[in-house]
Amino acid sequence: QVRLVESGGGLVQAGESLRLSCAASGRTISTYRMGWLRQAPGKEREFVAAISWRGGNTEYADSVKGRFTISRDNAKNTVYLQMNSLRPEDTAVYYCAAYTATGWGAGGQGTQVTVSS
């Protein structure tokens, strides 16, 4: 079973950047479509970005398109999310997850991103 550990979150001001990492262990994630999801307080978990198993195809939520970039390094079993021009509404716990036959997995423990105005 794959174990996912997210890191890189923090407290930043609006307009600044953060780079999140998701390190996988236990098994390779190279054959999985991987993604980032987020959950803000009192809200449902929502899709942020996804990347195909080879990295050739990416997908983004409209709210982050043009500001966030998802990437992966299968040799390092790691997925990244570069977040630029952060906004207060990006504040949430960010999770990475693998897409399986039953949909997005639960992900790891998440990493908190807080954007102040």
N, C-alpha and C. Protein backbone atom coordinates (compact mmCIF):
# COMPACT_ATOMS: atom_id res chain seq x y z
N GLN A 1 0.86 -1.19 0.00
CA GLN A 1 0.00 0.00 0.00
C GLN A 1 0.88 1.23 0.00
N VAL A 2 0.52 2.21 -0.79
CA VAL A 2 1.34 3.42 -0.89
C VAL A 2 1.04 4.35 0.27
N ARG A 3 2.09 4.94 0.81
CA ARG A 3 1.97 5.95 1.87
C ARG A 3 2.40 7.29 1.29
N LEU A 4 1.59 8.30 1.47
CA LEU A 4 1.86 9.62 0.92
C LEU A 4 2.10 10.62 2.06
N VAL A 5 3.15 11.41 1.93
CA VAL A 5 3.48 12.42 2.93
C VAL A 5 3.63 13.76 2.23
N GLU A 6 2.73 14.68 2.55
CA GLU A 6 2.77 16.01 1.98
C GLU A 6 3.59 16.95 2.85
N SER A 7 4.25 17.91 2.22
CA SER A 7 5.04 18.90 2.95
C SER A 7 5.14 20.17 2.13
N GLY A 8 5.64 21.23 2.76
CA GLY A 8 5.88 22.47 2.04
C GLY A 8 4.87 23.57 2.32
N GLY A 9 3.85 23.27 3.09
CA GLY A 9 2.87 24.29 3.40
C GLY A 9 3.43 25.33 4.35
N GLY A 10 2.64 26.37 4.59
CA GLY A 10 3.08 27.42 5.51
C GLY A 10 2.16 28.61 5.46
N LEU A 11 2.60 29.67 6.12
CA LEU A 11 1.86 30.92 6.17
C LEU A 11 2.56 31.93 5.26
N VAL A 12 1.84 32.44 4.28
CA VAL A 12 2.41 33.41 3.35
C VAL A 12 1.43 34.54 3.16
N GLN A 13 1.92 35.63 2.55
CA GLN A 13 1.04 36.74 2.23
C GLN A 13 0.51 36.57 0.81
N ALA A 14 -0.60 37.21 0.55
CA ALA A 14 -1.19 37.17 -0.79
C ALA A 14 -0.15 37.62 -1.82
N GLY A 15 -0.12 36.88 -2.93
CA GLY A 15 0.84 37.19 -3.99
C GLY A 15 2.11 36.38 -3.93
N GLU A 16 2.37 35.77 -2.79
CA GLU A 16 3.59 34.98 -2.65
C GLU A 16 3.40 33.56 -3.19
N SER A 17 4.48 32.79 -3.10
CA SER A 17 4.48 31.44 -3.68
C SER A 17 4.86 30.39 -2.64
N LEU A 18 4.42 29.18 -2.91
CA LEU A 18 4.82 28.01 -2.14
C LEU A 18 4.97 26.83 -3.09
N ARG A 19 5.82 25.89 -2.71
CA ARG A 19 5.96 24.66 -3.48
C ARG A 19 5.69 23.48 -2.54
N LEU A 20 4.64 22.75 -2.84
CA LEU A 20 4.30 21.58 -2.05
C LEU A 20 4.94 20.33 -2.66
N SER A 21 5.30 19.41 -1.79
CA SER A 21 5.84 18.13 -2.22
C SER A 21 5.01 17.00 -1.64
N CYS A 22 4.97 15.90 -2.35
CA CYS A 22 4.26 14.71 -1.89
C CYS A 22 5.18 13.53 -2.15
N ALA A 23 5.74 13.00 -1.08
CA ALA A 23 6.65 11.87 -1.19
C ALA A 23 5.90 10.58 -0.93
N ALA A 24 6.04 9.65 -1.85
CA ALA A 24 5.36 8.36 -1.72
C ALA A 24 6.35 7.28 -1.30
N SER A 25 5.87 6.35 -0.51
CA SER A 25 6.68 5.21 -0.10
C SER A 25 5.79 3.97 -0.05
N GLY A 26 6.41 2.83 -0.02
CA GLY A 26 5.65 1.59 0.05
C GLY A 26 5.46 0.91 -1.29
N ARG A 27 5.21 1.72 -2.30
CA ARG A 27 5.13 1.21 -3.65
C ARG A 27 5.29 2.37 -4.61
N THR A 28 5.55 2.06 -5.84
CA THR A 28 5.74 3.12 -6.81
C THR A 28 4.41 3.76 -7.19
N ILE A 29 4.45 5.07 -7.45
CA ILE A 29 3.26 5.77 -7.92
C ILE A 29 3.37 6.07 -9.41
N SER A 30 4.40 5.51 -10.04
CA SER A 30 4.67 5.86 -11.43
C SER A 30 3.58 5.43 -12.39
N THR A 31 2.73 4.50 -11.99
CA THR A 31 1.67 4.04 -12.88
C THR A 31 0.32 4.68 -12.56
N TYR A 32 0.33 5.60 -11.61
CA TYR A 32 -0.92 6.23 -11.19
C TYR A 32 -1.04 7.66 -11.69
N ARG A 33 -2.23 8.01 -12.07
CA ARG A 33 -2.55 9.44 -12.19
C ARG A 33 -2.58 10.00 -10.78
N MET A 34 -1.88 11.09 -10.56
CA MET A 34 -1.76 11.68 -9.23
C MET A 34 -2.39 13.07 -9.23
N GLY A 35 -2.81 13.48 -8.06
CA GLY A 35 -3.44 14.79 -7.99
C GLY A 35 -3.28 15.45 -6.65
N TRP A 36 -3.64 16.70 -6.62
CA TRP A 36 -3.72 17.49 -5.39
C TRP A 36 -5.17 17.90 -5.18
N LEU A 37 -5.61 17.78 -3.96
CA LEU A 37 -6.92 18.23 -3.56
C LEU A 37 -6.75 19.09 -2.32
N ARG A 38 -7.76 19.87 -1.98
CA ARG A 38 -7.66 20.72 -0.80
C ARG A 38 -9.01 20.78 -0.10
N GLN A 39 -8.92 21.08 1.19
CA GLN A 39 -10.13 21.22 1.98
C GLN A 39 -9.99 22.42 2.91
N ALA A 40 -10.86 23.37 2.71
CA ALA A 40 -10.89 24.55 3.57
C ALA A 40 -11.85 24.29 4.72
N PRO A 41 -11.69 25.01 5.82
CA PRO A 41 -12.57 24.80 6.97
C PRO A 41 -14.04 24.94 6.60
N GLY A 42 -14.84 23.96 6.98
CA GLY A 42 -16.27 24.01 6.73
C GLY A 42 -16.67 23.71 5.30
N LYS A 43 -15.71 23.32 4.47
CA LYS A 43 -16.03 23.05 3.07
C LYS A 43 -15.68 21.61 2.70
N GLU A 44 -16.22 21.17 1.58
CA GLU A 44 -15.91 19.85 1.06
C GLU A 44 -14.52 19.85 0.45
N ARG A 45 -13.90 18.67 0.42
CA ARG A 45 -12.63 18.55 -0.27
C ARG A 45 -12.87 18.79 -1.76
N GLU A 46 -11.95 19.56 -2.37
CA GLU A 46 -12.13 19.88 -3.77
C GLU A 46 -10.88 19.59 -4.57
N PHE A 47 -11.08 19.30 -5.83
CA PHE A 47 -10.00 19.01 -6.75
C PHE A 47 -9.21 20.28 -7.05
N VAL A 48 -7.89 20.13 -7.13
CA VAL A 48 -7.03 21.27 -7.46
C VAL A 48 -6.31 21.02 -8.79
N ALA A 49 -5.61 19.89 -8.87
CA ALA A 49 -4.81 19.61 -10.07
C ALA A 49 -4.53 18.13 -10.17
N ALA A 50 -4.27 17.66 -11.38
CA ALA A 50 -3.94 16.26 -11.61
C ALA A 50 -2.91 16.15 -12.71
N ILE A 51 -2.17 15.04 -12.68
CA ILE A 51 -1.14 14.80 -13.69
C ILE A 51 -1.15 13.33 -14.07
N SER A 52 -1.01 13.06 -15.35
CA SER A 52 -1.02 11.68 -15.83
C SER A 52 0.23 10.95 -15.36
N TRP A 53 0.23 9.65 -15.52
CA TRP A 53 1.31 8.86 -14.93
C TRP A 53 2.66 9.16 -15.54
N ARG A 54 2.70 9.59 -16.78
CA ARG A 54 3.97 9.98 -17.38
C ARG A 54 4.23 11.48 -17.27
N GLY A 55 3.23 12.21 -16.87
CA GLY A 55 3.40 13.65 -16.72
C GLY A 55 3.05 14.46 -17.94
N GLY A 56 2.59 13.78 -18.99
CA GLY A 56 2.34 14.50 -20.23
C GLY A 56 1.03 15.27 -20.24
N ASN A 57 0.11 14.89 -19.39
CA ASN A 57 -1.19 15.56 -19.35
C ASN A 57 -1.46 16.08 -17.96
N THR A 58 -1.89 17.32 -17.88
CA THR A 58 -2.24 17.94 -16.61
C THR A 58 -3.64 18.52 -16.70
N GLU A 59 -4.22 18.70 -15.55
CA GLU A 59 -5.58 19.23 -15.45
C GLU A 59 -5.65 20.10 -14.22
N TYR A 60 -6.38 21.20 -14.30
CA TYR A 60 -6.46 22.14 -13.18
C TYR A 60 -7.89 22.60 -12.95
N ALA A 61 -8.19 22.88 -11.70
CA ALA A 61 -9.43 23.55 -11.39
C ALA A 61 -9.37 24.96 -11.95
N ASP A 62 -10.50 25.49 -12.36
CA ASP A 62 -10.53 26.83 -12.94
C ASP A 62 -9.97 27.87 -11.98
N SER A 63 -10.18 27.66 -10.70
CA SER A 63 -9.76 28.64 -9.70
C SER A 63 -8.24 28.77 -9.57
N VAL A 64 -7.49 27.78 -10.04
CA VAL A 64 -6.03 27.82 -9.90
C VAL A 64 -5.32 27.84 -11.23
N LYS A 65 -6.06 27.73 -12.31
CA LYS A 65 -5.46 27.67 -13.64
C LYS A 65 -4.63 28.93 -13.90
N GLY A 66 -3.41 28.73 -14.39
CA GLY A 66 -2.52 29.85 -14.65
C GLY A 66 -1.68 30.28 -13.46
N ARG A 67 -2.02 29.78 -12.27
CA ARG A 67 -1.26 30.14 -11.07
C ARG A 67 -0.52 28.93 -10.47
N PHE A 68 -1.12 27.75 -10.58
CA PHE A 68 -0.54 26.54 -10.01
C PHE A 68 -0.02 25.64 -11.12
N THR A 69 1.04 24.90 -10.81
CA THR A 69 1.61 23.94 -11.75
C THR A 69 1.92 22.64 -11.02
N ILE A 70 1.35 21.57 -11.53
CA ILE A 70 1.61 20.25 -10.96
C ILE A 70 2.69 19.56 -11.79
N SER A 71 3.56 18.84 -11.12
CA SER A 71 4.61 18.10 -11.80
C SER A 71 4.93 16.84 -11.00
N ARG A 72 5.72 15.98 -11.60
CA ARG A 72 6.08 14.75 -10.89
C ARG A 72 7.47 14.30 -11.31
N ASP A 73 8.10 13.57 -10.41
CA ASP A 73 9.40 12.95 -10.68
C ASP A 73 9.25 11.49 -10.28
N ASN A 74 8.98 10.64 -11.25
CA ASN A 74 8.72 9.24 -10.93
C ASN A 74 9.96 8.54 -10.37
N ALA A 75 11.13 9.01 -10.76
CA ALA A 75 12.36 8.42 -10.22
C ALA A 75 12.47 8.67 -8.72
N LYS A 76 11.89 9.77 -8.26
CA LYS A 76 11.91 10.11 -6.84
C LYS A 76 10.60 9.74 -6.16
N ASN A 77 9.66 9.19 -6.93
CA ASN A 77 8.36 8.81 -6.37
C ASN A 77 7.70 10.01 -5.68
N THR A 78 7.76 11.17 -6.32
CA THR A 78 7.32 12.42 -5.71
C THR A 78 6.50 13.23 -6.69
N VAL A 79 5.51 13.91 -6.14
CA VAL A 79 4.66 14.82 -6.92
C VAL A 79 4.77 16.20 -6.29
N TYR A 80 4.72 17.23 -7.12
CA TYR A 80 4.89 18.60 -6.65
C TYR A 80 3.69 19.45 -7.05
N LEU A 81 3.52 20.54 -6.31
CA LEU A 81 2.54 21.56 -6.70
C LEU A 81 3.18 22.92 -6.46
N GLN A 82 3.51 23.60 -7.54
CA GLN A 82 4.04 24.96 -7.46
C GLN A 82 2.86 25.92 -7.45
N MET A 83 2.77 26.72 -6.42
CA MET A 83 1.64 27.63 -6.26
C MET A 83 2.16 29.06 -6.26
N ASN A 84 1.78 29.81 -7.26
CA ASN A 84 2.18 31.21 -7.39
C ASN A 84 0.97 32.12 -7.23
N SER A 85 1.24 33.37 -6.98
CA SER A 85 0.17 34.37 -6.85
C SER A 85 -0.93 33.88 -5.91
N LEU A 86 -0.53 33.43 -4.76
CA LEU A 86 -1.49 32.87 -3.82
C LEU A 86 -2.49 33.92 -3.34
N ARG A 87 -3.69 33.45 -3.09
CA ARG A 87 -4.79 34.31 -2.65
C ARG A 87 -5.33 33.79 -1.31
N PRO A 88 -5.97 34.64 -0.55
CA PRO A 88 -6.54 34.17 0.72
C PRO A 88 -7.49 32.99 0.53
N GLU A 89 -8.20 32.94 -0.58
CA GLU A 89 -9.13 31.85 -0.81
C GLU A 89 -8.44 30.52 -1.12
N ASP A 90 -7.11 30.54 -1.26
CA ASP A 90 -6.36 29.30 -1.43
C ASP A 90 -6.06 28.64 -0.08
N THR A 91 -6.39 29.32 0.99
CA THR A 91 -6.14 28.77 2.32
C THR A 91 -6.91 27.46 2.51
N ALA A 92 -6.19 26.40 2.86
CA ALA A 92 -6.78 25.07 3.01
C ALA A 92 -5.70 24.09 3.43
N VAL A 93 -6.14 22.90 3.76
CA VAL A 93 -5.21 21.78 3.91
C VAL A 93 -5.13 21.10 2.54
N TYR A 94 -3.92 20.93 2.07
CA TYR A 94 -3.69 20.36 0.75
C TYR A 94 -3.24 18.90 0.89
N TYR A 95 -3.87 18.06 0.10
CA TYR A 95 -3.57 16.63 0.11
C TYR A 95 -3.16 16.18 -1.29
N CYS A 96 -2.26 15.23 -1.36
CA CYS A 96 -2.03 14.59 -2.64
C CYS A 96 -2.67 13.21 -2.57
N ALA A 97 -3.06 12.70 -3.72
CA ALA A 97 -3.76 11.44 -3.76
C ALA A 97 -3.53 10.76 -5.10
N ALA A 98 -3.69 9.46 -5.08
CA ALA A 98 -3.63 8.67 -6.30
C ALA A 98 -5.05 8.42 -6.79
N TYR A 99 -5.19 8.42 -8.11
CA TYR A 99 -6.51 8.15 -8.68
C TYR A 99 -6.59 6.66 -8.97
N THR A 100 -7.56 6.02 -8.35
CA THR A 100 -7.73 4.57 -8.52
C THR A 100 -9.07 4.27 -9.18
N ALA A 101 -9.40 3.00 -9.24
CA ALA A 101 -10.67 2.59 -9.86
C ALA A 101 -11.88 3.14 -9.11
N THR A 102 -11.68 3.49 -7.86
CA THR A 102 -12.80 4.00 -7.06
C THR A 102 -12.74 5.51 -6.88
N GLY A 103 -11.87 6.16 -7.62
CA GLY A 103 -11.75 7.61 -7.54
C GLY A 103 -10.50 8.03 -6.78
N TRP A 104 -10.49 9.27 -6.31
CA TRP A 104 -9.33 9.78 -5.59
C TRP A 104 -9.22 9.09 -4.23
N GLY A 105 -8.00 8.70 -3.91
CA GLY A 105 -7.73 8.10 -2.62
C GLY A 105 -7.77 9.14 -1.52
N ALA A 106 -7.56 8.66 -0.31
CA ALA A 106 -7.65 9.54 0.86
C ALA A 106 -6.46 10.48 0.95
N GLY A 107 -5.32 10.12 0.43
CA GLY A 107 -4.13 10.95 0.55
C GLY A 107 -3.45 10.78 1.89
N GLY A 108 -2.49 11.69 2.15
CA GLY A 108 -1.76 11.63 3.40
C GLY A 108 -2.40 12.47 4.47
N GLN A 109 -1.56 12.99 5.38
CA GLN A 109 -2.09 13.80 6.48
C GLN A 109 -2.34 15.24 6.05
N GLY A 110 -1.83 15.60 4.89
CA GLY A 110 -2.06 16.94 4.38
C GLY A 110 -1.04 17.94 4.88
N THR A 111 -0.98 19.08 4.23
CA THR A 111 -0.12 20.18 4.64
C THR A 111 -0.93 21.47 4.60
N GLN A 112 -0.83 22.25 5.66
CA GLN A 112 -1.65 23.46 5.78
C GLN A 112 -1.03 24.61 4.99
N VAL A 113 -1.85 25.25 4.20
CA VAL A 113 -1.46 26.47 3.48
C VAL A 113 -2.39 27.58 3.96
N THR A 114 -1.78 28.64 4.47
CA THR A 114 -2.54 29.78 4.94
C THR A 114 -2.04 31.03 4.24
N VAL A 115 -2.95 31.73 3.59
CA VAL A 115 -2.58 32.93 2.84
C VAL A 115 -3.27 34.13 3.48
N SER A 116 -2.48 35.06 3.95
CA SER A 116 -3.04 36.25 4.59
C SER A 116 -3.18 37.36 3.56
N SER A 117 -4.15 38.21 3.79
CA SER A 117 -4.40 39.32 2.83
C SER A 117 -3.62 40.55 3.20
